[in-house]
C-alpha atoms as a PDB file:
ATOM      1  CA  VAL A   1      -0.042  -0.373   0.280  1.00  0.00           C
ATOM      2  CA  ALA A   2       1.695   3.417  -1.387  1.00  0.00           C
ATOM      3  CA  ASP A   3       0.526   6.782   0.716  1.00  0.00           C
ATOM      4  CA  MET A   4       0.033   8.730  -2.068  1.00  0.00           C
ATOM      5  CA  LYS A   5      -0.844  11.993  -1.645  1.00  0.00           C
ATOM      6  CA  SER A   6      -1.185  12.819  -5.769  1.00  0.00           C
ATOM      7  CA  CYS A   7      -0.987  10.645  -8.347  1.00  0.00           C
ATOM      8  CA  ALA A   8       0.365  12.243 -12.340  1.00  0.00           C
ATOM      9  CA  VAL A   9      -1.565   9.693 -14.573  1.00  0.00           C
ATOM     10  CA  LEU A  10      -5.011  11.190 -12.836  1.00  0.00           C
ATOM     11  CA  PRO A  11      -6.337  14.120 -14.725  1.00  0.00           C
ATOM     12  CA  PRO A  12      -5.131  17.430 -12.293  1.00  0.00           C
ATOM     13  CA  ALA A  13      -9.145  17.948 -11.419  1.00  0.00           C
ATOM     14  CA  ILE A  14      -9.148  13.946 -10.054  1.00  0.00           C
ATOM     15  CA  SER A  15      -5.735  13.993  -8.160  1.00  0.00           C
ATOM     16  CA  ASP A  16      -6.753  16.512  -6.468  1.00  0.00           C
ATOM     17  CA  LEU A  17      -9.223  14.355  -5.001  1.00  0.00           C
ATOM     18  CA  LEU A  18      -6.796  12.551  -3.050  1.00  0.00           C
ATOM     19  CA  LEU A  19      -6.572  13.221   0.366  1.00  0.00           C
ATOM     20  CA  PRO A  20     -10.751  14.388   1.031  1.00  0.00           C
ATOM     21  CA  LEU A  21     -11.208  10.733  -0.902  1.00  0.00           C
ATOM     22  CA  ARG A  22      -9.269   9.515   2.070  1.00  0.00           C
ATOM     23  CA  GLU A  23     -11.646  11.162   4.595  1.00  0.00           C
ATOM     24  CA  LEU A  24     -14.206  10.054   3.012  1.00  0.00           C
ATOM     25  CA  VAL A  25     -13.521   6.888   3.031  1.00  0.00           C
ATOM     26  CA  ALA A  26     -12.461   6.471   6.659  1.00  0.00           C
ATOM     27  CA  ALA A  27     -16.132   7.919   7.705  1.00  0.00           C
ATOM     28  CA  LEU A  28     -18.436   5.437   6.436  1.00  0.00           C
ATOM     29  CA  SER A  29     -19.221   2.959   7.412  1.00  0.00           C
ATOM     30  CA  ILE A  30     -18.136  -0.394   5.387  1.00  0.00           C
ATOM     31  CA  ARG A  31     -15.049   1.156   5.396  1.00  0.00           C
ATOM     32  CA  ASP A  32     -13.583  -2.252   5.473  1.00  0.00           C
ATOM     33  CA  ARG A  33     -15.675  -3.084   3.175  1.00  0.00           C
ATOM     34  CA  LEU A  34     -14.658  -0.731   0.117  1.00  0.00           C
ATOM     35  CA  PRO A  35     -11.651  -2.652  -1.795  1.00  0.00           C
ATOM     36  CA  GLN A  36     -10.978   0.006  -4.112  1.00  0.00           C
ATOM     37  CA  ILE A  37     -13.107   2.901  -6.265  1.00  0.00           C
ATOM     38  CA  GLU A  38     -12.805   3.238  -9.598  1.00  0.00           C
ATOM     39  CA  VAL A  39     -12.455   5.992 -11.790  1.00  0.00           C
ATOM     40  CA  ALA A  40     -14.155   7.030 -15.194  1.00  0.00           C
ATOM     41  CA  VAL A  41     -13.059  10.772 -16.207  1.00  0.00           C
ATOM     42  CA  GLY A  42     -15.818  12.120 -19.437  1.00  0.00           C
ATOM     43  CA  ARG A  43     -16.215  15.244 -21.249  1.00  0.00           C
ATOM     44  CA  SER A  44     -18.158  16.878 -18.716  1.00  0.00           C
ATOM     45  CA  VAL A  45     -18.818  14.331 -16.019  1.00  0.00           C
ATOM     46  CA  SER A  46     -16.515  12.165 -13.237  1.00  0.00           C
ATOM     47  CA  SER A  47     -17.802   9.243 -12.495  1.00  0.00           C
ATOM     48  CA  LEU A  48     -16.129   7.477  -8.724  1.00  0.00           C
ATOM     49  CA  VAL A  49     -17.320   3.953  -9.220  1.00  0.00           C
ATOM     50  CA  LEU A  50     -16.849   2.527  -5.609  1.00  0.00           C
ATOM     51  CA  ARG A  51     -17.491  -2.013  -5.488  1.00  0.00           C
ATOM     52  CA  ILE A  52     -18.877  -1.993  -2.264  1.00  0.00           C
ATOM     53  CA  LEU A  53     -19.412  -5.594  -0.571  1.00  0.00           C
ATOM     54  CA  GLU A  54     -22.349  -4.342   2.120  1.00  0.00           C
ATOM     55  CA  PRO A  55     -24.837  -1.912   1.178  1.00  0.00           C
ATOM     56  CA  LEU A  56     -24.379   1.930   2.287  1.00  0.00           C
ATOM     57  CA  SER A  57     -25.823   3.075   5.466  1.00  0.00           C
ATOM     58  CA  ALA A  58     -28.455   6.118   5.187  1.00  0.00           C
ATOM     59  CA  ALA A  59     -25.529   8.598   6.513  1.00  0.00           C
ATOM     60  CA  ASP A  60     -22.895   6.974   4.386  1.00  0.00           C
ATOM     61  CA  GLU A  61     -25.553   7.477   1.932  1.00  0.00           C
ATOM     62  CA  ALA A  62     -25.719  11.456   3.213  1.00  0.00           C
ATOM     63  CA  LEU A  63     -21.603  11.579   3.312  1.00  0.00           C
ATOM     64  CA  LEU A  64     -21.187  10.907  -0.735  1.00  0.00           C
ATOM     65  CA  ARG A  65     -24.103  13.111  -1.987  1.00  0.00           C
ATOM     66  CA  ARG A  66     -22.668  15.774   0.115  1.00  0.00           C
ATOM     67  CA  PHE A  67     -18.558  14.979  -0.932  1.00  0.00           C
ATOM     68  CA  ALA A  68     -20.557  14.986  -4.811  1.00  0.00           C
ATOM     69  CA  ASP A  69     -21.935  18.632  -4.467  1.00  0.00           C
ATOM     70  CA  ARG A  70     -18.705  20.118  -2.965  1.00  0.00           C
ATOM     71  CA  HIS A  71     -16.642  18.527  -5.369  1.00  0.00           C
ATOM     72  CA  GLY A  72     -17.774  18.277  -8.331  1.00  0.00           C
ATOM     73  CA  VAL A  73     -17.821  14.573  -9.009  1.00  0.00           C
ATOM     74  CA  CYS A  74     -21.035  11.208  -9.498  1.00  0.00           C
ATOM     75  CA  PHE A  75     -20.693   8.670  -7.290  1.00  0.00           C
ATOM     76  CA  ASP A  76     -21.652   4.763  -8.839  1.00  0.00           C
ATOM     77  CA  LEU A  77     -21.608   2.445  -6.793  1.00  0.00           C
ATOM     78  CA  GLN A  78     -21.048  -1.522  -7.651  1.00  0.00           C
ATOM     79  CA  PRO A  79     -22.095  -4.286  -5.277  1.00  0.00           C
ATOM     80  CA  LYS A  80     -21.112  -7.062  -7.771  1.00  0.00           C
ATOM     81  CA  GLY A  81     -20.325  -6.969 -10.957  1.00  0.00           C
ATOM     82  CA  PRO A  82     -19.815  -4.560 -13.705  1.00  0.00           C
ATOM     83  CA  ASP A  83     -23.507  -4.696 -14.958  1.00  0.00           C
ATOM     84  CA  SER A  84     -24.477  -3.969 -11.512  1.00  0.00           C
ATOM     85  CA  VAL A  85     -23.585  -0.357 -11.645  1.00  0.00           C
ATOM     86  CA  VAL A  86     -26.033   2.345 -10.998  1.00  0.00           C
ATOM     87  CA  ARG A  87     -26.162   5.852  -9.713  1.00  0.00           C
ATOM     88  CA  LEU A  88     -25.925   7.206  -6.363  1.00  0.00           C
ATOM     89  CA  HIS A  89     -25.394  11.103  -7.004  1.00  0.00           C
ATOM     90  CA  PRO A  90     -26.314  12.862  -8.114  1.00  0.00           C
ATOM     91  CA  PRO A  91     -28.918  11.887 -10.994  1.00  0.00           C
ATOM     92  CA  GLN A  92     -27.765  13.849 -14.098  1.00  0.00           C
ATOM     93  CA  GLY A  93     -24.964  13.367 -15.822  1.00  0.00           C
ATOM     94  CA  SER A  94     -23.805  10.644 -19.118  1.00  0.00           C
ATOM     95  CA  LEU A  95     -20.998   9.974 -19.369  1.00  0.00           C
ATOM     96  CA  ASP A  96     -18.874  10.605 -23.095  1.00  0.00           C
ATOM     97  CA  TYR A  97     -15.866  11.390 -25.296  1.00  0.00           C
ATOM     98  CA  VAL A  98     -15.493  13.241 -28.335  1.00  0.00           C
ATOM     99  CA  LEU A  99     -13.262  13.426 -31.690  1.00  0.00           C
ATOM    100  CA  PRO A 100     -13.979  16.025 -32.575  1.00  0.00           C
ATOM    101  CA  GLU A 101     -11.403  16.028 -36.010  1.00  0.00           C
ATOM    102  CA  PHE A 102     -14.371  13.362 -37.005  1.00  0.00           C
ATOM    103  CA  GLY A 103     -17.718  15.264 -35.449  1.00  0.00           C
ATOM    104  CA  LEU A 104     -17.797  12.053 -33.054  1.00  0.00           C
ATOM    105  CA  SER A 105     -19.037  11.838 -29.848  1.00  0.00           C
ATOM    106  CA  LEU A 106     -18.880   8.806 -27.680  1.00  0.00           C
ATOM    107  CA  PRO A 107     -20.667   7.975 -24.906  1.00  0.00           C
ATOM    108  CA  PHE A 108     -19.931   4.997 -22.430  1.00  0.00           C
ATOM    109  CA  ARG A 109     -20.776   3.475 -18.991  1.00  0.00           C
ATOM    110  CA  PRO A 110     -18.360   4.038 -15.917  1.00  0.00           C
ATOM    111  CA  THR A 111     -16.291   0.406 -16.632  1.00  0.00           C
ATOM    112  CA  ASP A 112     -16.260   0.172 -19.896  1.00  0.00           C
ATOM    113  CA  PHE A 113     -12.535  -0.318 -21.340  1.00  0.00           C
ATOM    114  CA  THR A 114     -12.250   3.360 -22.106  1.00  0.00           C
ATOM    115  CA  GLN A 115      -8.644   4.456 -23.727  1.00  0.00           C
ATOM    116  CA  VAL A 116      -7.231   5.770 -19.847  1.00  0.00           C
ATOM    117  CA  ASN A 117      -6.176   9.261 -21.702  1.00  0.00           C
ATOM    118  CA  ALA A 118      -8.722  11.297 -23.984  1.00  0.00           C
ATOM    119  CA  SER A 119      -6.631  13.626 -25.150  1.00  0.00           C
ATOM    120  CA  ILE A 120      -3.642  11.331 -26.371  1.00  0.00           C
ATOM    121  CA  ASN A 121      -6.565   8.846 -27.340  1.00  0.00           C
ATOM    122  CA  ARG A 122      -7.189  11.075 -30.132  1.00  0.00           C
ATOM    123  CA  VAL A 123      -3.631  12.332 -30.962  1.00  0.00           C
ATOM    124  CA  LEU A 124      -4.130   8.397 -31.669  1.00  0.00           C
ATOM    125  CA  VAL A 125      -7.265   8.376 -33.819  1.00  0.00           C
ATOM    126  CA  ARG A 126      -5.476  10.322 -35.872  1.00  0.00           C
ATOM    127  CA  ARG A 127      -2.250   9.021 -36.311  1.00  0.00           C
ATOM    128  CA  ALA A 128      -4.044   5.296 -37.378  1.00  0.00           C
ATOM    129  CA  LEU A 129      -6.042   6.933 -39.681  1.00  0.00           C
ATOM    130  CA  ALA A 130      -3.404   8.489 -41.598  1.00  0.00           C
ATOM    131  CA  LEU A 131      -1.918   4.967 -41.861  1.00  0.00           C
ATOM    132  CA  LEU A 132      -4.503   3.719 -42.260  1.00  0.00           C
ATOM    133  CA  GLY A 133      -6.509   6.118 -45.306  1.00  0.00           C
ATOM    134  CA  PRO A 134      -9.345   4.480 -45.061  1.00  0.00           C
ATOM    135  CA  ARG A 135     -11.620   5.654 -48.673  1.00  0.00           C
ATOM    136  CA  ALA A 136     -14.909   6.155 -49.651  1.00  0.00           C
ATOM    137  CA  GLY A 137     -16.267   2.763 -50.601  1.00  0.00           C
ATOM    138  CA  GLU A 138     -13.392   0.282 -49.064  1.00  0.00           C
ATOM    139  CA  ARG A 139     -14.393  -2.642 -46.646  1.00  0.00           C
ATOM    140  CA  VAL A 140     -12.523  -2.147 -43.347  1.00  0.00           C
ATOM    141  CA  VAL A 141     -12.300  -4.635 -40.711  1.00  0.00           C
ATOM    142  CA  ASP A 142     -11.218  -3.248 -36.927  1.00  0.00           C
ATOM    143  CA  LEU A 143     -10.302  -5.678 -34.690  1.00  0.00           C
ATOM    144  CA  PHE A 144     -10.971  -5.765 -31.139  1.00  0.00           C
ATOM    145  CA  CYS A 145     -12.716  -3.125 -31.909  1.00  0.00           C
ATOM    146  CA  GLY A 146     -14.706  -1.885 -28.167  1.00  0.00           C
ATOM    147  CA  LEU A 147     -16.693   1.147 -28.616  1.00  0.00           C
ATOM    148  CA  GLY A 148     -16.244   1.981 -31.502  1.00  0.00           C
ATOM    149  CA  ASN A 149     -13.139   4.488 -31.393  1.00  0.00           C
ATOM    150  CA  PHE A 150     -11.627   3.371 -34.532  1.00  0.00           C
ATOM    151  CA  THR A 151     -14.831   1.845 -35.816  1.00  0.00           C
ATOM    152  CA  LEU A 152     -16.846   5.278 -35.727  1.00  0.00           C
ATOM    153  CA  PRO A 153     -14.407   7.667 -37.324  1.00  0.00           C
ATOM    154  CA  ILE A 154     -13.063   5.048 -40.396  1.00  0.00           C
ATOM    155  CA  ALA A 155     -16.869   5.260 -41.634  1.00  0.00           C
ATOM    156  CA  ALA A 156     -17.083   9.064 -40.736  1.00  0.00           C
ATOM    157  CA  CYS A 157     -14.149   8.735 -43.571  1.00  0.00           C
ATOM    158  CA  GLY A 158     -16.742   7.232 -45.420  1.00  0.00           C
ATOM    159  CA  ALA A 159     -15.852   3.469 -45.457  1.00  0.00           C
ATOM    160  CA  ARG A 160     -17.568   0.733 -44.534  1.00  0.00           C
ATOM    161  CA  VAL A 161     -16.560  -1.277 -41.178  1.00  0.00           C
ATOM    162  CA  LEU A 162     -16.856  -4.636 -40.392  1.00  0.00           C
ATOM    163  CA  GLY A 163     -16.450  -3.897 -36.582  1.00  0.00           C
ATOM    164  CA  ILE A 164     -15.789  -6.890 -34.573  1.00  0.00           C
ATOM    165  CA  GLU A 165     -15.549  -7.334 -30.263  1.00  0.00           C
ATOM    166  CA  GLY A 166     -15.275  -9.659 -28.325  1.00  0.00           C
ATOM    167  CA  ASN A 167     -17.506  -8.098 -25.436  1.00  0.00           C
ATOM    168  CA  GLU A 168     -20.882  -8.686 -26.357  1.00  0.00           C
ATOM    169  CA  THR A 169     -21.704  -5.088 -24.113  1.00  0.00           C
ATOM    170  CA  LEU A 170     -19.250  -3.554 -26.048  1.00  0.00           C
ATOM    171  CA  VAL A 171     -20.412  -4.428 -29.088  1.00  0.00           C
ATOM    172  CA  ALA A 172     -24.454  -3.135 -28.033  1.00  0.00           C
ATOM    173  CA  ARG A 173     -22.828   0.230 -27.426  1.00  0.00           C
ATOM    174  CA  ALA A 174     -20.842   0.208 -30.086  1.00  0.00           C
ATOM    175  CA  ARG A 175     -24.156   0.265 -32.095  1.00  0.00           C
ATOM    176  CA  ALA A 176     -25.582   2.388 -30.302  1.00  0.00           C
ATOM    177  CA  ASN A 177     -23.023   4.424 -30.667  1.00  0.00           C
ATOM    178  CA  ALA A 178     -22.981   4.178 -34.919  1.00  0.00           C
ATOM    179  CA  ALA A 179     -26.842   5.030 -34.776  1.00  0.00           C
ATOM    180  CA  SER A 180     -25.971   8.472 -32.607  1.00  0.00           C
ATOM    181  CA  ASN A 181     -23.996   9.674 -34.762  1.00  0.00           C
ATOM    182  CA  GLY A 182     -25.824   8.237 -37.804  1.00  0.00           C
ATOM    183  CA  LEU A 183     -23.665   6.218 -39.408  1.00  0.00           C
ATOM    184  CA  ALA A 184     -25.376   2.967 -38.615  1.00  0.00           C
ATOM    185  CA  GLY A 185     -25.666   2.360 -42.406  1.00  0.00           C
ATOM    186  CA  ARG A 186     -21.807   2.248 -42.513  1.00  0.00           C
ATOM    187  CA  CYS A 187     -20.938   0.185 -39.249  1.00  0.00           C
ATOM    188  CA  GLU A 188     -21.771  -4.226 -38.933  1.00  0.00           C
ATOM    189  CA  LEU A 189     -20.857  -4.339 -35.195  1.00  0.00           C
ATOM    190  CA  LEU A 190     -20.646  -8.955 -34.583  1.00  0.00           C
ATOM    191  CA  ALA A 191     -19.655 -10.460 -31.683  1.00  0.00           C
ATOM    192  CA  ALA A 192     -16.901 -13.426 -32.227  1.00  0.00           C
ATOM    193  CA  ASN A 193     -13.421 -14.531 -29.985  1.00  0.00           C
ATOM    194  CA  LEU A 194     -11.091 -13.442 -31.375  1.00  0.00           C
ATOM    195  CA  PHE A 195      -8.238 -15.489 -29.707  1.00  0.00           C
ATOM    196  CA  GLU A 196      -8.473 -18.635 -31.730  1.00  0.00           C
ATOM    197  CA  PRO A 197      -9.162 -19.650 -35.398  1.00  0.00           C
ATOM    198  CA  SER A 198     -13.195 -19.097 -36.296  1.00  0.00           C
ATOM    199  CA  ASP A 199     -15.049 -18.996 -40.032  1.00  0.00           C
ATOM    200  CA  THR A 200     -16.220 -15.483 -38.948  1.00  0.00           C
ATOM    201  CA  LEU A 201     -12.554 -13.988 -38.805  1.00  0.00           C
ATOM    202  CA  ALA A 202     -11.358 -16.074 -41.605  1.00  0.00           C
ATOM    203  CA  HIS A 203     -14.793 -14.387 -43.750  1.00  0.00           C
ATOM    204  CA  ALA A 204     -13.863 -11.096 -42.537  1.00  0.00           C
ATOM    205  CA  LEU A 205      -9.950 -11.205 -43.486  1.00  0.00           C
ATOM    206  CA  ALA A 206     -10.670 -12.094 -46.837  1.00  0.00           C
ATOM    207  CA  GLN A 207     -13.925  -9.566 -47.456  1.00  0.00           C
ATOM    208  CA  ALA A 208     -11.322  -6.641 -46.360  1.00  0.00           C
ATOM    209  CA  ASP A 209      -9.312  -4.130 -48.344  1.00  0.00           C
ATOM    210  CA  ARG A 210      -7.929  -2.333 -44.914  1.00  0.00           C
ATOM    211  CA  LEU A 211      -7.403  -3.911 -41.998  1.00  0.00           C
ATOM    212  CA  LEU A 212      -7.121  -2.120 -38.744  1.00  0.00           C
ATOM    213  CA  ILE A 213      -5.544  -4.081 -35.153  1.00  0.00           C
ATOM    214  CA  ASP A 214      -6.140  -2.792 -31.116  1.00  0.00           C
ATOM    215  CA  PRO A 215      -6.264  -6.099 -28.971  1.00  0.00           C
ATOM    216  CA  PRO A 216      -5.322  -5.976 -25.397  1.00  0.00           C
ATOM    217  CA  ARG A 217      -1.841  -6.848 -24.031  1.00  0.00           C
ATOM    218  CA  GLU A 218      -2.495 -10.597 -25.303  1.00  0.00           C
ATOM    219  CA  GLY A 219      -2.174  -9.311 -28.511  1.00  0.00           C
ATOM    220  CA  ALA A 220      -3.597 -10.786 -31.708  1.00  0.00           C
ATOM    221  CA  ILE A 221      -1.719 -13.729 -33.097  1.00  0.00           C
ATOM    222  CA  ALA A 222      -4.935 -15.715 -33.748  1.00  0.00           C
ATOM    223  CA  VAL A 223      -6.173 -13.059 -36.228  1.00  0.00           C
ATOM    224  CA  VAL A 224      -2.215 -12.718 -38.125  1.00  0.00           C
ATOM    225  CA  LYS A 225      -1.842 -16.422 -38.415  1.00  0.00           C
ATOM    226  CA  ALA A 226      -5.668 -16.576 -39.752  1.00  0.00           C
ATOM    227  CA  LEU A 227      -4.388 -14.102 -42.832  1.00  0.00           C
ATOM    228  CA  GLU A 228      -4.491 -16.021 -46.103  1.00  0.00           C
ATOM    229  CA  GLU A 229      -3.839 -14.819 -49.371  1.00  0.00           C
ATOM    230  CA  GLN A 230      -7.050 -12.304 -49.824  1.00  0.00           C
ATOM    231  CA  ALA A 231      -5.778 -10.380 -46.509  1.00  0.00           C
ATOM    232  CA  PRO A 232      -5.532  -7.215 -46.544  1.00  0.00           C
ATOM    233  CA  ARG A 233      -2.906  -4.862 -48.175  1.00  0.00           C
ATOM    234  CA  ARG A 234      -2.798  -2.507 -45.386  1.00  0.00           C
ATOM    235  CA  ILE A 235      -2.553  -3.194 -41.951  1.00  0.00           C
ATOM    236  CA  VAL A 236      -2.464  -0.948 -39.082  1.00  0.00           C
ATOM    237  CA  TYR A 237      -1.805  -2.413 -35.708  1.00  0.00           C
ATOM    238  CA  VAL A 238      -2.280  -0.737 -32.388  1.00  0.00           C
ATOM    239  CA  SER A 239      -0.966  -1.592 -29.583  1.00  0.00           C
ATOM    240  CA  CYS A 240      -0.039  -1.553 -25.462  1.00  0.00           C
ATOM    241  CA  ASN A 241       2.202  -4.669 -25.387  1.00  0.00           C
ATOM    242  CA  PRO A 242       5.824  -4.402 -27.346  1.00  0.00           C
ATOM    243  CA  ALA A 243       6.708  -7.669 -26.822  1.00  0.00           C
ATOM    244  CA  THR A 244       3.209  -9.472 -28.095  1.00  0.00           C
ATOM    245  CA  LEU A 245       3.519  -6.785 -31.054  1.00  0.00           C
ATOM    246  CA  ALA A 246       7.150  -7.859 -31.985  1.00  0.00           C
ATOM    247  CA  ARG A 247       5.658 -12.101 -31.670  1.00  0.00           C
ATOM    248  CA  ASP A 248       2.939 -10.718 -34.137  1.00  0.00           C
ATOM    249  CA  ALA A 249       4.959  -8.333 -36.232  1.00  0.00           C
ATOM    250  CA  ALA A 250       7.691 -10.791 -37.014  1.00  0.00           C
ATOM    251  CA  VAL A 251       4.847 -13.225 -37.747  1.00  0.00           C
ATOM    252  CA  LEU A 252       2.631 -11.181 -41.246  1.00  0.00           C
ATOM    253  CA  VAL A 253       6.769 -10.506 -41.762  1.00  0.00           C
ATOM    254  CA  HIS A 254       8.668 -13.403 -42.116  1.00  0.00           C
ATOM    255  CA  GLU A 255       5.118 -16.509 -43.093  1.00  0.00           C
ATOM    256  CA  LYS A 256       2.821 -13.158 -44.205  1.00  0.00           C
ATOM    257  CA  ALA A 257       4.542 -11.142 -46.942  1.00  0.00           C
ATOM    258  CA  TYR A 258       3.960  -8.527 -44.619  1.00  0.00           C
ATOM    259  CA  ARG A 259       6.682  -5.405 -44.539  1.00  0.00           C
ATOM    260  CA  LEU A 260       7.191  -2.682 -41.749  1.00  0.00           C
ATOM    261  CA  GLU A 261       6.157   1.009 -43.152  1.00  0.00           C
ATOM    262  CA  ALA A 262       6.110   3.074 -40.167  1.00  0.00           C
ATOM    263  CA  ALA A 263       5.709   2.506 -36.744  1.00  0.00           C
ATOM    264  CA  GLY A 264       5.763   4.944 -33.571  1.00  0.00           C
ATOM    265  CA  VAL A 265       4.784   5.760 -29.759  1.00  0.00           C
ATOM    266  CA  VAL A 266       2.176   8.186 -28.311  1.00  0.00           C
ATOM    267  CA  ASN A 267       2.781   9.063 -24.275  1.00  0.00           C
ATOM    268  CA  MET A 268      -0.654   7.617 -22.876  1.00  0.00           C
ATOM    269  CA  PHE A 269       0.546   6.594 -19.846  1.00  0.00           C
ATOM    270  CA  PRO A 270       2.770   9.493 -18.772  1.00  0.00           C
ATOM    271  CA  HIS A 271       4.939   9.201 -15.943  1.00  0.00           C
ATOM    272  CA  THR A 272       4.691   6.095 -16.205  1.00  0.00           C
ATOM    273  CA  ALA A 273       7.321   3.023 -18.872  1.00  0.00           C
ATOM    274  CA  HIS A 274       4.245   2.165 -20.529  1.00  0.00           C
ATOM    275  CA  VAL A 275       3.767   3.533 -24.438  1.00  0.00           C
ATOM    276  CA  GLU A 276       1.058   2.521 -26.931  1.00  0.00           C
ATOM    277  CA  SER A 277       2.337   1.664 -30.308  1.00  0.00           C
ATOM    278  CA  ILE A 278       1.053   2.249 -34.013  1.00  0.00           C
ATOM    279  CA  ALA A 279       3.063  -0.047 -36.899  1.00  0.00           C
ATOM    280  CA  CYS A 280       2.280   0.283 -40.388  1.00  0.00           C
ATOM    281  CA  PHE A 281       2.834  -3.260 -42.441  1.00  0.00           C
ATOM    282  CA  GLU A 282       1.697  -3.286 -46.313  1.00  0.00           C
ATOM    283  CA  ARG A 283       1.325  -6.525 -48.298  1.00  0.00           C
ATOM    284  CA  VAL A 284       4.606  -7.163 -50.776  1.00  0.00           C
END
């Protein structure tokens, strides 16, 4: 346990709450049954998700409401799994982030996966799409698409996009985000396991003009091994793990007839040793 008074990775407004939060938690009746607080920061709303193992008392709820009003944050409660999250206070205010270059707003729930740094995410999306170069009418496949962080900007460029994601809840969110941004007609969103070969994956890869991959730390070895002769001519690979990116790049270059055209990093995780990498591969 670290005695932290500030955190350089958190947005400053949230970092400034560490000491007040410590005092708040110490005053709660269930302080020993509150193992974590998860932070979700949107464009105009910041949510603190309390993982509670016992119900709050009326006095606890009153303390949380006063803290939320004083510091301009929202409290959500998570009594069980991620789907159990409910808003405590204030009742209004929803989370979203924007990609202004593409005219997009993406709502999300407090426990949904989003990139931790909204401003650097905008840089990441801009650079990835500049390398991918989607064109109107082309068929682009976005694997591990999540909420549509890359899917929707690709569609906004005029391409037809197939987004595939293993988490069905995120797929539903991506569909809703496509609809709310007027892009449902260019986006097809599917749920499928991308960590093993499947007919869905093989068919998607065979139909793609361009491919974007943004896997978790485990990488995308099943995807790169599934590429055949009808593979997309350009692949942009976004990675949070240099080791699995290097492993998968070796397969692309030495086994699948791709050439590394460009690579770079963005500082998604300031003040840490972690980086987000982008690599662009072209079919030889």
